[in-house]
Amino acid sequence: MKKIMLSLIAIMCLAGFSSLSFAEDMGKTKDEMKGEMKGKMKAKKSKMKAKHNEMKGEMKEIKDETKGATGK
């Protein structure tokens, strides 16, 4: 009976340690994914900002053309 109880306790301890290491691995993976997403978002923001500045320049050109055409 003692051997069975000791075996059960040993198995429970091993299961507890493996679940802790699994949780730690999941935490590391989460942090890695978070870092990747931040990098992607920064790249996307910079592309959008460049596009916005380009459109802003085009609108200024159009405004200047219409201003010149009306003579004001």
C-alpha atoms as a PDB file:
ATOM      1  CA  MET A   1       0.000   0.000   0.000  1.00  0.00           C
ATOM      2  CA  LYS A   2       2.855   2.379   0.828  1.00  0.00           C
ATOM      3  CA  LYS A   3       4.481   1.701  -2.537  1.00  0.00           C
ATOM      4  CA  ILE A   4       1.272   2.531  -4.368  1.00  0.00           C
ATOM      5  CA  MET A   5       0.858   5.793  -2.447  1.00  0.00           C
ATOM      6  CA  LEU A   6       4.487   6.765  -3.060  1.00  0.00           C
ATOM      7  CA  SER A   7       4.089   5.970  -6.748  1.00  0.00           C
ATOM      8  CA  LEU A   8       0.962   8.113  -6.976  1.00  0.00           C
ATOM      9  CA  ILE A   9       2.661  11.014  -5.214  1.00  0.00           C
ATOM     10  CA  ALA A  10       5.672  10.728  -7.528  1.00  0.00           C
ATOM     11  CA  ILE A  11       3.421  10.745 -10.599  1.00  0.00           C
ATOM     12  CA  MET A  12       1.515  13.777  -9.309  1.00  0.00           C
ATOM     13  CA  CYS A  13       4.779  15.638  -8.699  1.00  0.00           C
ATOM     14  CA  LEU A  14       6.026  14.869 -12.201  1.00  0.00           C
ATOM     15  CA  ALA A  15       2.721  15.989 -13.701  1.00  0.00           C
ATOM     16  CA  GLY A  16       2.909  19.238 -11.729  1.00  0.00           C
ATOM     17  CA  PHE A  17       6.437  20.007 -12.887  1.00  0.00           C
ATOM     18  CA  SER A  18       5.642  19.276 -16.516  1.00  0.00           C
ATOM     19  CA  SER A  19       2.584  21.554 -16.440  1.00  0.00           C
ATOM     20  CA  LEU A  20       4.705  24.346 -14.961  1.00  0.00           C
ATOM     21  CA  SER A  21       7.270  24.037 -17.729  1.00  0.00           C
ATOM     22  CA  PHE A  22       4.462  23.961 -20.305  1.00  0.00           C
ATOM     23  CA  ALA A  23       3.049  27.194 -18.885  1.00  0.00           C
ATOM     24  CA  GLU A  24       6.490  28.781 -18.995  1.00  0.00           C
ATOM     25  CA  ASP A  25       6.916  27.776 -22.655  1.00  0.00           C
ATOM     26  CA  MET A  26       3.513  29.222 -23.489  1.00  0.00           C
ATOM     27  CA  GLY A  27       4.470  32.501 -21.813  1.00  0.00           C
ATOM     28  CA  LYS A  28       7.646  32.733 -23.873  1.00  0.00           C
ATOM     29  CA  THR A  29       5.731  31.995 -27.068  1.00  0.00           C
ATOM     30  CA  LYS A  30       3.200  34.691 -26.194  1.00  0.00           C
ATOM     31  CA  ASP A  31       5.972  37.250 -25.700  1.00  0.00           C
ATOM     32  CA  GLU A  32       7.564  36.304 -29.017  1.00  0.00           C
ATOM     33  CA  MET A  33       4.261  36.658 -30.843  1.00  0.00           C
ATOM     34  CA  LYS A  34       3.642  40.023 -29.190  1.00  0.00           C
ATOM     35  CA  GLY A  35       7.028  41.261 -30.413  1.00  0.00           C
ATOM     36  CA  GLU A  36       6.334  40.101 -33.959  1.00  0.00           C
ATOM     37  CA  MET A  37       2.960  41.827 -34.018  1.00  0.00           C
ATOM     38  CA  LYS A  38       4.462  45.087 -32.774  1.00  0.00           C
ATOM     39  CA  GLY A  39       7.010  44.973 -35.586  1.00  0.00           C
ATOM     40  CA  LYS A  40       4.320  44.369 -38.182  1.00  0.00           C
ATOM     41  CA  MET A  41       2.159  47.177 -36.835  1.00  0.00           C
ATOM     42  CA  LYS A  42       5.062  49.646 -36.919  1.00  0.00           C
ATOM     43  CA  ALA A  43       5.793  48.748 -40.540  1.00  0.00           C
ATOM     44  CA  LYS A  44       2.130  49.126 -41.455  1.00  0.00           C
ATOM     45  CA  LYS A  45       1.912  52.506 -39.703  1.00  0.00           C
ATOM     46  CA  SER A  46       4.954  53.837 -41.523  1.00  0.00           C
ATOM     47  CA  LYS A  47       3.526  52.715 -44.887  1.00  0.00           C
ATOM     48  CA  MET A  48       0.217  54.391 -44.131  1.00  0.00           C
ATOM     49  CA  LYS A  49       1.974  57.588 -43.043  1.00  0.00           C
ATOM     50  CA  ALA A  50       4.020  57.674 -46.250  1.00  0.00           C
ATOM     51  CA  LYS A  51       0.871  57.159 -48.299  1.00  0.00           C
ATOM     52  CA  HIS A  52      -0.873  59.952 -46.381  1.00  0.00           C
ATOM     53  CA  ASN A  53       2.012  62.351 -47.000  1.00  0.00           C
ATOM     54  CA  GLU A  54       1.983  61.452 -50.690  1.00  0.00           C
ATOM     55  CA  MET A  55      -1.743  62.151 -50.958  1.00  0.00           C
ATOM     56  CA  LYS A  56      -1.301  65.388 -49.052  1.00  0.00           C
ATOM     57  CA  GLY A  57       1.294  66.504 -51.610  1.00  0.00           C
ATOM     58  CA  GLU A  58      -1.016  65.605 -54.501  1.00  0.00           C
ATOM     59  CA  MET A  59      -3.870  67.568 -52.962  1.00  0.00           C
ATOM     60  CA  LYS A  60      -1.594  70.609 -52.537  1.00  0.00           C
ATOM     61  CA  GLU A  61      -0.621  70.398 -56.207  1.00  0.00           C
ATOM     62  CA  ILE A  62      -4.273  70.246 -57.246  1.00  0.00           C
ATOM     63  CA  LYS A  63      -5.097  73.174 -54.975  1.00  0.00           C
ATOM     64  CA  ASP A  64      -2.249  75.223 -56.442  1.00  0.00           C
ATOM     65  CA  GLU A  65      -3.375  74.383 -59.998  1.00  0.00           C
ATOM     66  CA  THR A  66      -6.954  75.422 -59.334  1.00  0.00           C
ATOM     67  CA  LYS A  67      -5.768  78.578 -57.599  1.00  0.00           C
ATOM     68  CA  GLY A  68      -3.691  79.452 -60.664  1.00  0.00           C
ATOM     69  CA  ALA A  69      -6.566  78.695 -63.045  1.00  0.00           C
ATOM     70  CA  THR A  70      -8.991  80.957 -61.205  1.00  0.00           C
ATOM     71  CA  GLY A  71      -6.409  83.732 -60.909  1.00  0.00           C
ATOM     72  CA  LYS A  72      -6.696  84.291 -57.177  1.00  0.00           C
END
